[in-house]
C-alpha cells in the first residue's frame, strides 16, 4: 500500500514538472484544438489569454476549416514557433504543403 502511495505521488509530481517544462519551452504559449462545423480549428493562448483564434486554414484563398485535428495542431505549433522567434505568425500555401496539411 505504501509503495502505491509513493508511486502515485511520484506520478503527480512528474506530471506537474512536465507541464512546467512544456510551458518554459513554448515561452508560455499554449494551443488548444477544437471542433468546428466542417472540421477543426485552434486557439493559441498566452497567460490564459487568447491571442490567435483560427477557424479556417490561413494562407489559402478559400474559407475552409482544417480537415483533421492534427492539421490544426501542426499549423498552430508553427504559429507558436514563429511567435517565439519574433516573426509574424502567418503561413504560406507552400508551408502548408510542406507540412502535409490537407488542403
PDB file of N, CA and C in Angstrom:
ATOM      1  N   UNK A   1       0.820  -1.192   0.000  1.00  0.00           N
ATOM      2  CA  UNK A   1       0.000   0.000   0.000  1.00  0.00           C
ATOM      3  C   UNK A   1       0.865   1.258   0.000  1.00  0.00           C
ATOM      4  N   UNK A   2       1.921   1.233   0.833  1.00  0.00           N
ATOM      5  CA  UNK A   2       2.816   2.381   0.922  1.00  0.00           C
ATOM      6  C   UNK A   2       3.502   2.625  -0.422  1.00  0.00           C
ATOM      7  N   UNK A   3       3.862   1.539  -1.105  1.00  0.00           N
ATOM      8  CA  UNK A   3       4.503   1.657  -2.415  1.00  0.00           C
ATOM      9  C   UNK A   3       3.578   2.331  -3.422  1.00  0.00           C
ATOM     10  N   UNK A   4       2.305   2.008  -3.366  1.00  0.00           N
ATOM     11  CA  UNK A   4       1.336   2.609  -4.295  1.00  0.00           C
ATOM     12  C   UNK A   4       1.206   4.107  -4.055  1.00  0.00           C
ATOM     13  N   UNK A   5       1.216   4.510  -2.800  1.00  0.00           N
ATOM     14  CA  UNK A   5       1.125   5.933  -2.467  1.00  0.00           C
ATOM     15  C   UNK A   5       2.353   6.670  -2.983  1.00  0.00           C
ATOM     16  N   UNK A   6       3.512   6.083  -2.810  1.00  0.00           N
ATOM     17  CA  UNK A   6       4.752   6.696  -3.295  1.00  0.00           C
ATOM     18  C   UNK A   6       4.720   6.818  -4.815  1.00  0.00           C
ATOM     19  N   UNK A   7       4.296   5.772  -5.491  1.00  0.00           N
ATOM     20  CA  UNK A   7       4.213   5.800  -6.958  1.00  0.00           C
ATOM     21  C   UNK A   7       3.207   6.853  -7.410  1.00  0.00           C
ATOM     22  N   UNK A   8       2.064   6.920  -6.758  1.00  0.00           N
ATOM     23  CA  UNK A   8       1.041   7.899  -7.099  1.00  0.00           C
ATOM     24  C   UNK A   8       1.574   9.320  -6.910  1.00  0.00           C
ATOM     25  N   UNK A   9       2.245   9.571  -5.799  1.00  0.00           N
ATOM     26  CA  UNK A   9       2.818  10.893  -5.534  1.00  0.00           C
ATOM     27  C   UNK A   9       3.868  11.240  -6.584  1.00  0.00           C
ATOM     28  N   UNK A  10       4.689  10.267  -6.944  1.00  0.00           N
ATOM     29  CA  UNK A  10       5.704  10.482  -7.968  1.00  0.00           C
ATOM     30  C   UNK A  10       5.062  10.859  -9.302  1.00  0.00           C
ATOM     31  N   UNK A  11       3.997  10.170  -9.679  1.00  0.00           N
ATOM     32  CA  UNK A  11       3.317  10.457 -10.946  1.00  0.00           C
ATOM     33  C   UNK A  11       2.718  11.861 -10.961  1.00  0.00           C
ATOM     34  N   UNK A  12       2.164  12.278  -9.846  1.00  0.00           N
ATOM     35  CA  UNK A  12       1.606  13.633  -9.760  1.00  0.00           C
ATOM     36  C   UNK A  12       2.710  14.669  -9.910  1.00  0.00           C
ATOM     37  N   UNK A  13       3.804  14.489  -9.196  1.00  0.00           N
ATOM     38  CA  UNK A  13       4.929  15.426  -9.280  1.00  0.00           C
ATOM     39  C   UNK A  13       5.502  15.444 -10.690  1.00  0.00           C
ATOM     40  N   UNK A  14       5.643  14.284 -11.307  1.00  0.00           N
ATOM     41  CA  UNK A  14       6.178  14.202 -12.669  1.00  0.00           C
ATOM     42  C   UNK A  14       5.278  14.938 -13.654  1.00  0.00           C
ATOM     43  N   UNK A  15       3.971  14.786 -13.525  1.00  0.00           N
ATOM     44  CA  UNK A  15       3.065  15.464 -14.460  1.00  0.00           C
ATOM     45  C   UNK A  15       3.118  16.979 -14.281  1.00  0.00           C
ATOM     46  N   UNK A  16       3.266  17.446 -13.053  1.00  0.00           N
ATOM     47  CA  UNK A  16       3.403  18.883 -12.801  1.00  0.00           C
ATOM     48  C   UNK A  16       4.691  19.402 -13.426  1.00  0.00           C
ATOM     49  N   UNK A  17       5.781  18.682 -13.247  1.00  0.00           N
ATOM     50  CA  UNK A  17       7.060  19.103 -13.819  1.00  0.00           C
ATOM     51  C   UNK A  17       7.022  19.114 -15.342  1.00  0.00           C
ATOM     52  N   UNK A  18       6.401  18.120 -15.939  1.00  0.00           N
ATOM     53  CA  UNK A  18       6.295  18.070 -17.404  1.00  0.00           C
ATOM     54  C   UNK A  18       5.517  19.278 -17.913  1.00  0.00           C
ATOM     55  N   UNK A  19       4.443  19.644 -17.239  1.00  0.00           N
ATOM     56  CA  UNK A  19       3.658  20.816 -17.633  1.00  0.00           C
ATOM     57  C   UNK A  19       4.492  22.080 -17.526  1.00  0.00           C
ATOM     58  N   UNK A  20       5.241  22.217 -16.442  1.00  0.00           N
ATOM     59  CA  UNK A  20       6.089  23.400 -16.256  1.00  0.00           C
ATOM     60  C   UNK A  20       7.157  23.489 -17.340  1.00  0.00           C
ATOM     61  N   UNK A  21       7.825  22.388 -17.635  1.00  0.00           N
ATOM     62  CA  UNK A  21       8.864  22.366 -18.667  1.00  0.00           C
ATOM     63  C   UNK A  21       8.255  22.684 -20.022  1.00  0.00           C
ATOM     64  N   UNK A  22       7.090  22.146 -20.309  1.00  0.00           N
ATOM     65  CA  UNK A  22       6.409  22.408 -21.571  1.00  0.00           C
ATOM     66  C   UNK A  22       6.130  23.897 -21.728  1.00  0.00           C
ATOM     67  N   UNK A  23       5.661  24.550 -20.671  1.00  0.00           N
ATOM     68  CA  UNK A  23       5.400  25.986 -20.733  1.00  0.00           C
ATOM     69  C   UNK A  23       6.676  26.787 -20.928  1.00  0.00           C
ATOM     70  N   UNK A  24       7.762  26.359 -20.318  1.00  0.00           N
ATOM     71  CA  UNK A  24       9.037  27.055 -20.492  1.00  0.00           C
ATOM     72  C   UNK A  24       9.503  26.927 -21.936  1.00  0.00           C
ATOM     73  N   UNK A  25       9.404  25.734 -22.502  1.00  0.00           N
ATOM     74  CA  UNK A  25       9.853  25.512 -23.876  1.00  0.00           C
ATOM     75  C   UNK A  25       9.016  26.280 -24.883  1.00  0.00           C
ATOM     76  N   UNK A  26       7.754  26.530 -24.588  1.00  0.00           N
ATOM     77  CA  UNK A  26       6.895  27.262 -25.515  1.00  0.00           C
ATOM     78  C   UNK A  26       6.727  28.718 -25.091  1.00  0.00           C
ATOM     79  N   UNK A  27       7.561  29.189 -24.187  1.00  0.00           N
ATOM     80  CA  UNK A  27       7.514  30.570 -23.702  1.00  0.00           C
ATOM     81  C   UNK A  27       6.137  30.973 -23.194  1.00  0.00           C
ATOM     82  N   UNK A  28       5.432  30.045 -22.596  1.00  0.00           N
ATOM     83  CA  UNK A  28       4.125  30.354 -22.035  1.00  0.00           C
ATOM     84  C   UNK A  28       2.972  30.251 -23.015  1.00  0.00           C
ATOM     85  N   UNK A  29       3.254  29.921 -24.270  1.00  0.00           N
ATOM     86  CA  UNK A  29       2.180  29.752 -25.255  1.00  0.00           C
ATOM     87  C   UNK A  29       1.553  28.380 -25.078  1.00  0.00           C
ATOM     88  N   UNK A  30       0.263  28.318 -25.340  1.00  0.00           N
ATOM     89  CA  UNK A  30      -0.477  27.068 -25.223  1.00  0.00           C
ATOM     90  C   UNK A  30      -1.426  26.981 -26.408  1.00  0.00           C
ATOM     91  N   UNK A  31      -1.600  25.799 -26.949  1.00  0.00           N
ATOM     92  CA  UNK A  31      -2.502  25.618 -28.086  1.00  0.00           C
ATOM     93  C   UNK A  31      -3.604  24.638 -27.716  1.00  0.00           C
ATOM     94  N   UNK A  32      -4.801  24.967 -28.154  1.00  0.00           N
ATOM     95  CA  UNK A  32      -5.949  24.086 -27.951  1.00  0.00           C
ATOM     96  C   UNK A  32      -6.668  23.946 -29.292  1.00  0.00           C
ATOM     97  N   UNK A  33      -6.940  22.708 -29.675  1.00  0.00           N
ATOM     98  CA  UNK A  33      -7.724  22.472 -30.883  1.00  0.00           C
ATOM     99  C   UNK A  33      -9.184  22.306 -30.485  1.00  0.00           C
ATOM    100  N   UNK A  34     -10.060  22.580 -31.422  1.00  0.00           N
ATOM    101  CA  UNK A  34     -11.487  22.429 -31.154  1.00  0.00           C
ATOM    102  C   UNK A  34     -12.223  22.101 -32.446  1.00  0.00           C
ATOM    103  N   UNK A  35     -13.338  21.427 -32.288  1.00  0.00           N
ATOM    104  CA  UNK A  35     -14.169  21.010 -33.417  1.00  0.00           C
ATOM    105  C   UNK A  35     -15.025  22.191 -33.869  1.00  0.00           C
ATOM    106  N   UNK A  36     -15.096  22.403 -35.189  1.00  0.00           N
ATOM    107  CA  UNK A  36     -15.999  23.390 -35.779  1.00  0.00           C
ATOM    108  C   UNK A  36     -16.951  22.646 -36.712  1.00  0.00           C
ATOM    109  N   UNK A  37     -17.876  23.365 -37.301  1.00  0.00           N
ATOM    110  CA  UNK A  37     -18.922  22.722 -38.101  1.00  0.00           C
ATOM    111  C   UNK A  37     -18.379  21.775 -39.169  1.00  0.00           C
ATOM    112  N   UNK A  38     -17.382  22.207 -39.922  1.00  0.00           N
ATOM    113  CA  UNK A  38     -16.882  21.387 -41.034  1.00  0.00           C
ATOM    114  C   UNK A  38     -15.438  20.934 -40.860  1.00  0.00           C
ATOM    115  N   UNK A  39     -14.981  20.813 -39.636  1.00  0.00           N
ATOM    116  CA  UNK A  39     -13.598  20.385 -39.436  1.00  0.00           C
ATOM    117  C   UNK A  39     -13.073  20.781 -38.071  1.00  0.00           C
ATOM    118  N   UNK A  40     -11.880  21.390 -38.082  1.00  0.00           N
ATOM    119  CA  UNK A  40     -11.182  21.726 -36.840  1.00  0.00           C
ATOM    120  C   UNK A  40     -10.615  23.139 -36.894  1.00  0.00           C
ATOM    121  N   UNK A  41     -10.394  23.712 -35.725  1.00  0.00           N
ATOM    122  CA  UNK A  41      -9.739  24.995 -35.582  1.00  0.00           C
ATOM    123  C   UNK A  41      -8.780  24.925 -34.406  1.00  0.00           C
ATOM    124  N   UNK A  42      -8.098  26.043 -34.151  1.00  0.00           N
ATOM    125  CA  UNK A  42      -7.203  26.094 -32.992  1.00  0.00           C
ATOM    126  C   UNK A  42      -7.203  27.486 -32.380  1.00  0.00           C
ATOM    127  N   UNK A  43      -6.838  27.524 -31.107  1.00  0.00           N
ATOM    128  CA  UNK A  43      -6.635  28.779 -30.383  1.00  0.00           C
ATOM    129  C   UNK A  43      -5.258  28.728 -29.761  1.00  0.00           C
ATOM    130  N   UNK A  44      -4.570  29.846 -29.807  1.00  0.00           N
ATOM    131  CA  UNK A  44      -3.287  29.975 -29.119  1.00  0.00           C
ATOM    132  C   UNK A  44      -3.498  30.947 -27.968  1.00  0.00           C
ATOM    133  N   UNK A  45      -3.092  30.506 -26.783  1.00  0.00           N
ATOM    134  CA  UNK A  45      -3.205  31.315 -25.570  1.00  0.00           C
ATOM    135  C   UNK A  45      -1.810  31.698 -25.089  1.00  0.00           C
ATOM    136  N   UNK A  46      -1.735  32.845 -24.466  1.00  0.00           N
ATOM    137  CA  UNK A  46      -0.534  33.215 -23.719  1.00  0.00           C
ATOM    138  C   UNK A  46      -1.022  33.805 -22.408  1.00  0.00           C
ATOM    139  N   UNK A  47      -0.571  33.213 -21.330  1.00  0.00           N
ATOM    140  CA  UNK A  47      -1.014  33.622 -19.988  1.00  0.00           C
ATOM    141  C   UNK A  47      -2.538  33.599 -19.902  1.00  0.00           C
ATOM    142  N   UNK A  48      -3.133  32.526 -20.389  1.00  0.00           N
ATOM    143  CA  UNK A  48      -4.583  32.297 -20.346  1.00  0.00           C
ATOM    144  C   UNK A  48      -5.406  33.297 -21.148  1.00  0.00           C
ATOM    145  N   UNK A  49      -4.766  34.051 -22.044  1.00  0.00           N
ATOM    146  CA  UNK A  49      -5.479  34.992 -22.904  1.00  0.00           C
ATOM    147  C   UNK A  49      -5.373  34.502 -24.347  1.00  0.00           C
ATOM    148  N   UNK A  50      -6.507  34.446 -25.051  1.00  0.00           N
ATOM    149  CA  UNK A  50      -6.495  34.021 -26.452  1.00  0.00           C
ATOM    150  C   UNK A  50      -5.838  35.119 -27.283  1.00  0.00           C
ATOM    151  N   UNK A  51      -4.765  34.746 -28.008  1.00  0.00           N
ATOM    152  CA  UNK A  51      -4.110  35.727 -28.872  1.00  0.00           C
ATOM    153  C   UNK A  51      -4.323  35.412 -30.356  1.00  0.00           C
ATOM    154  N   UNK A  52      -4.627  34.157 -30.674  1.00  0.00           N
ATOM    155  CA  UNK A  52      -4.962  33.771 -32.047  1.00  0.00           C
ATOM    156  C   UNK A  52      -6.096  32.759 -31.985  1.00  0.00           C
ATOM    157  N   UNK A  53      -7.122  33.001 -32.784  1.00  0.00           N
ATOM    158  CA  UNK A  53      -8.233  32.045 -32.931  1.00  0.00           C
ATOM    159  C   UNK A  53      -8.391  31.810 -34.425  1.00  0.00           C
ATOM    160  N   UNK A  54      -8.228  30.570 -34.849  1.00  0.00           N
ATOM    161  CA  UNK A  54      -8.220  30.255 -36.273  1.00  0.00           C
ATOM    162  C   UNK A  54      -9.220  29.141 -36.574  1.00  0.00           C
ATOM    163  N   UNK A  55     -10.353  29.510 -37.173  1.00  0.00           N
ATOM    164  CA  UNK A  55     -11.376  28.528 -37.547  1.00  0.00           C
ATOM    165  C   UNK A  55     -11.195  28.013 -38.969  1.00  0.00           C
ATOM    166  N   UNK A  56     -10.432  28.754 -39.769  1.00  0.00           N
ATOM    167  CA  UNK A  56     -10.203  28.363 -41.162  1.00  0.00           C
ATOM    168  C   UNK A  56      -8.706  28.289 -41.442  1.00  0.00           C
ATOM    169  N   UNK A  57      -8.361  27.605 -42.518  1.00  0.00           N
ATOM    170  CA  UNK A  57      -6.947  27.458 -42.885  1.00  0.00           C
ATOM    171  C   UNK A  57      -6.439  28.793 -43.423  1.00  0.00           C
ATOM    172  N   UNK A  58      -5.428  29.369 -42.785  1.00  0.00           N
ATOM    173  CA  UNK A  58      -4.854  30.606 -43.322  1.00  0.00           C
ATOM    174  C   UNK A  58      -3.953  30.286 -44.512  1.00  0.00           C
ATOM    175  N   UNK A  59      -3.724  31.268 -45.365  1.00  0.00           N
ATOM    176  CA  UNK A  59      -2.776  31.082 -46.467  1.00  0.00           C
ATOM    177  C   UNK A  59      -3.369  30.463 -47.721  1.00  0.00           C
ATOM    178  N   UNK A  60      -4.691  30.255 -47.729  1.00  0.00           N
ATOM    179  CA  UNK A  60      -5.337  29.752 -48.944  1.00  0.00           C
ATOM    180  C   UNK A  60      -6.503  30.684 -49.285  1.00  0.00           C
ATOM    181  N   UNK A  61      -6.866  30.765 -50.572  1.00  0.00           N
ATOM    182  CA  UNK A  61      -7.903  31.724 -50.983  1.00  0.00           C
ATOM    183  C   UNK A  61      -9.342  31.313 -50.643  1.00  0.00           C
ATOM    184  N   UNK A  62      -9.541  30.096 -50.173  1.00  0.00           N
ATOM    185  CA  UNK A  62     -10.881  29.585 -49.885  1.00  0.00           C
ATOM    186  C   UNK A  62     -11.088  29.504 -48.372  1.00  0.00           C
ATOM    187  N   UNK A  63     -12.298  29.818 -47.907  1.00  0.00           N
ATOM    188  CA  UNK A  63     -12.608  29.669 -46.478  1.00  0.00           C
ATOM    189  C   UNK A  63     -12.932  28.208 -46.212  1.00  0.00           C
ATOM    190  N   UNK A  64     -11.995  27.527 -45.587  1.00  0.00           N
ATOM    191  CA  UNK A  64     -12.120  26.093 -45.356  1.00  0.00           C
ATOM    192  C   UNK A  64     -11.497  25.763 -44.002  1.00  0.00           C
ATOM    193  N   UNK A  65     -12.196  24.958 -43.207  1.00  0.00           N
ATOM    194  CA  UNK A  65     -11.664  24.530 -41.909  1.00  0.00           C
ATOM    195  C   UNK A  65     -10.599  23.462 -42.105  1.00  0.00           C
ATOM    196  N   UNK A  66      -9.800  23.241 -41.075  1.00  0.00           N
ATOM    197  CA  UNK A  66      -8.808  22.167 -41.120  1.00  0.00           C
ATOM    198  C   UNK A  66      -9.539  20.831 -41.188  1.00  0.00           C
ATOM    199  N   UNK A  67      -9.071  19.945 -42.054  1.00  0.00           N
ATOM    200  CA  UNK A  67      -9.721  18.644 -42.243  1.00  0.00           C
ATOM    201  C   UNK A  67      -9.568  17.748 -41.022  1.00  0.00           C
ATOM    202  N   UNK A  68      -8.428  17.860 -40.338  1.00  0.00           N
ATOM    203  CA  UNK A  68      -8.171  16.998 -39.187  1.00  0.00           C
ATOM    204  C   UNK A  68      -7.673  17.827 -38.003  1.00  0.00           C
ATOM    205  N   UNK A  69      -7.814  17.255 -36.830  1.00  0.00           N
ATOM    206  CA  UNK A  69      -7.277  17.902 -35.631  1.00  0.00           C
ATOM    207  C   UNK A  69      -5.759  18.022 -35.739  1.00  0.00           C
ATOM    208  N   UNK A  70      -5.133  17.014 -36.325  1.00  0.00           N
ATOM    209  CA  UNK A  70      -3.679  17.021 -36.493  1.00  0.00           C
ATOM    210  C   UNK A  70      -3.235  18.209 -37.342  1.00  0.00           C
ATOM    211  N   UNK A  71      -3.959  18.502 -38.422  1.00  0.00           N
ATOM    212  CA  UNK A  71      -3.610  19.642 -39.275  1.00  0.00           C
ATOM    213  C   UNK A  71      -3.705  20.958 -38.507  1.00  0.00           C
ATOM    214  N   UNK A  72      -4.768  21.118 -37.728  1.00  0.00           N
ATOM    215  CA  UNK A  72      -4.927  22.330 -36.927  1.00  0.00           C
ATOM    216  C   UNK A  72      -3.777  22.461 -35.929  1.00  0.00           C
ATOM    217  N   UNK A  73      -3.393  21.366 -35.327  1.00  0.00           N
ATOM    218  CA  UNK A  73      -2.300  21.364 -34.359  1.00  0.00           C
ATOM    219  C   UNK A  73      -0.965  21.697 -35.024  1.00  0.00           C
ATOM    220  N   UNK A  74      -0.720  21.135 -36.195  1.00  0.00           N
ATOM    221  CA  UNK A  74       0.525  21.408 -36.926  1.00  0.00           C
ATOM    222  C   UNK A  74       0.663  22.899 -37.196  1.00  0.00           C
ATOM    223  N   UNK A  75      -0.388  23.511 -37.733  1.00  0.00           N
ATOM    224  CA  UNK A  75      -0.326  24.937 -38.065  1.00  0.00           C
ATOM    225  C   UNK A  75      -0.226  25.778 -36.794  1.00  0.00           C
ATOM    226  N   UNK A  76      -0.963  25.416 -35.769  1.00  0.00           N
ATOM    227  CA  UNK A  76      -0.870  26.141 -34.505  1.00  0.00           C
ATOM    228  C   UNK A  76       0.533  26.098 -33.916  1.00  0.00           C
ATOM    229  N   UNK A  77       1.171  24.939 -33.989  1.00  0.00           N
ATOM    230  CA  UNK A  77       2.542  24.816 -33.487  1.00  0.00           C
ATOM    231  C   UNK A  77       3.512  25.652 -34.320  1.00  0.00           C
ATOM    232  N   UNK A  78       3.286  25.719 -35.627  1.00  0.00           N
ATOM    233  CA  UNK A  78       4.124  26.578 -36.478  1.00  0.00           C
ATOM    234  C   UNK A  78       3.959  28.046 -36.090  1.00  0.00           C
ATOM    235  N   UNK A  79       2.730  28.439 -35.762  1.00  0.00           N
ATOM    236  CA  UNK A  79       2.480  29.822 -35.353  1.00  0.00           C
ATOM    237  C   UNK A  79       3.194  30.133 -34.039  1.00  0.00           C
ATOM    238  N   UNK A  80       3.145  29.197 -33.095  1.00  0.00           N
ATOM    239  CA  UNK A  80       3.845  29.397 -31.823  1.00  0.00           C
ATOM    240  C   UNK A  80       5.342  29.526 -32.064  1.00  0.00           C
ATOM    241  N   UNK A  81       5.882  28.680 -32.927  1.00  0.00           N
ATOM    242  CA  UNK A  81       7.309  28.751 -33.253  1.00  0.00           C
ATOM    243  C   UNK A  81       7.663  30.126 -33.809  1.00  0.00           C
ATOM    244  N   UNK A  82       6.814  30.658 -34.682  1.00  0.00           N
ATOM    245  CA  UNK A  82       7.073  31.985 -35.252  1.00  0.00           C
ATOM    246  C   UNK A  82       6.970  33.071 -34.185  1.00  0.00           C
ATOM    247  N   UNK A  83       5.982  32.966 -33.316  1.00  0.00           N
ATOM    248  CA  UNK A  83       5.847  33.948 -32.239  1.00  0.00           C
ATOM    249  C   UNK A  83       7.068  33.939 -31.323  1.00  0.00           C
ATOM    250  N   UNK A  84       7.540  32.764 -30.976  1.00  0.00           N
ATOM    251  CA  UNK A  84       8.726  32.644 -30.123  1.00  0.00           C
ATOM    252  C   UNK A  84       9.940  33.274 -30.792  1.00  0.00           C
ATOM    253  N   UNK A  85      10.046  33.100 -32.116  1.00  0.00           N
ATOM    254  CA  UNK A  85      11.178  33.642 -32.871  1.00  0.00           C
ATOM    255  C   UNK A  85      10.949  35.073 -33.339  1.00  0.00           C
ATOM    256  N   UNK A  86       9.909  35.718 -32.789  1.00  0.00           N
ATOM    257  CA  UNK A  86       9.599  37.122 -33.077  1.00  0.00           C
ATOM    258  C   UNK A  86       9.336  37.370 -34.564  1.00  0.00           C
ATOM    259  N   UNK A  87       8.671  36.403 -35.202  1.00  0.00           N
ATOM    260  CA  UNK A  87       8.276  36.544 -36.605  1.00  0.00           C
ATOM    261  C   UNK A  87       6.768  36.744 -36.673  1.00  0.00           C
ATOM    262  N   UNK A  88       6.307  37.309 -37.777  1.00  0.00           N
ATOM    263  CA  UNK A  88       4.871  37.478 -37.978  1.00  0.00           C
ATOM    264  C   UNK A  88       4.239  36.092 -38.099  1.00  0.00           C
ATOM    265  N   UNK A  89       3.194  35.818 -37.321  1.00  0.00           N
ATOM    266  CA  UNK A  89       2.584  34.478 -37.354  1.00  0.00           C
ATOM    267  C   UNK A  89       1.645  34.294 -38.553  1.00  0.00           C
ATOM    268  N   UNK A  90       2.250  34.198 -39.715  1.00  0.00           N
ATOM    269  CA  UNK A  90       1.480  33.936 -40.930  1.00  0.00           C
ATOM    270  C   UNK A  90       2.029  32.666 -41.561  1.00  0.00           C
ATOM    271  N   UNK A  91       1.284  32.117 -42.509  1.00  0.00           N
ATOM    272  CA  UNK A  91       1.722  30.882 -43.153  1.00  0.00           C
ATOM    273  C   UNK A  91       1.406  30.956 -44.639  1.00  0.00           C
ATOM    274  N   UNK A  92       2.280  30.405 -45.429  1.00  0.00           N
ATOM    275  CA  UNK A  92       2.092  30.405 -46.881  1.00  0.00           C
ATOM    276  C   UNK A  92       1.507  29.075 -47.346  1.00  0.00           C
ATOM    277  N   UNK A  93       0.999  29.088 -48.555  1.00  0.00           N
ATOM    278  CA  UNK A  93       0.474  27.872 -49.172  1.00  0.00           C
ATOM    279  C   UNK A  93       1.564  26.805 -49.208  1.00  0.00           C
ATOM    280  N   UNK A  94       2.780  27.235 -49.547  1.00  0.00           N
ATOM    281  CA  UNK A  94       3.904  26.294 -49.635  1.00  0.00           C
ATOM    282  C   UNK A  94       4.207  25.663 -48.275  1.00  0.00           C
ATOM    283  N   UNK A  95       4.184  26.462 -47.209  1.00  0.00           N
ATOM    284  CA  UNK A  95       4.427  25.921 -45.865  1.00  0.00           C
ATOM    285  C   UNK A  95       3.360  24.889 -45.487  1.00  0.00           C
ATOM    286  N   UNK A  96       2.128  25.158 -45.880  1.00  0.00           N
ATOM    287  CA  UNK A  96       1.052  24.196 -45.616  1.00  0.00           C
ATOM    288  C   UNK A  96       1.332  22.879 -46.326  1.00  0.00           C
ATOM    289  N   UNK A  97       1.740  22.973 -47.598  1.00  0.00           N
ATOM    290  CA  UNK A  97       2.047  21.771 -48.378  1.00  0.00           C
ATOM    291  C   UNK A  97       3.224  21.006 -47.776  1.00  0.00           C
ATOM    292  N   UNK A  98       4.292  21.724 -47.447  1.00  0.00           N
ATOM    293  CA  UNK A  98       5.497  21.095 -46.890  1.00  0.00           C
ATOM    294  C   UNK A  98       5.167  20.328 -45.607  1.00  0.00           C
ATOM    295  N   UNK A  99       4.258  20.868 -44.815  1.00  0.00           N
ATOM    296  CA  UNK A  99       3.899  20.246 -43.536  1.00  0.00           C
ATOM    297  C   UNK A  99       2.759  19.236 -43.652  1.00  0.00           C
ATOM    298  N   UNK A 100       2.349  18.944 -44.879  1.00  0.00           N
ATOM    299  CA  UNK A 100       1.366  17.887 -45.111  1.00  0.00           C
ATOM    300  C   UNK A 100      -0.058  18.209 -44.701  1.00  0.00           C
ATOM    301  N   UNK A 101      -0.377  19.510 -44.612  1.00  0.00           N
ATOM    302  CA  UNK A 101      -1.736  19.906 -44.248  1.00  0.00           C
ATOM    303  C   UNK A 101      -2.668  19.626 -45.426  1.00  0.00           C
ATOM    304  N   UNK A 102      -3.779  18.966 -45.154  1.00  0.00           N
ATOM    305  CA  UNK A 102      -4.753  18.634 -46.200  1.00  0.00           C
ATOM    306  C   UNK A 102      -5.446  19.914 -46.645  1.00  0.00           C
ATOM    307  N   UNK A 103      -5.343  20.204 -47.944  1.00  0.00           N
ATOM    308  CA  UNK A 103      -5.938  21.440 -48.477  1.00  0.00           C
ATOM    309  C   UNK A 103      -7.173  21.164 -49.299  1.00  0.00           C
TER     310      UNK A 103
END
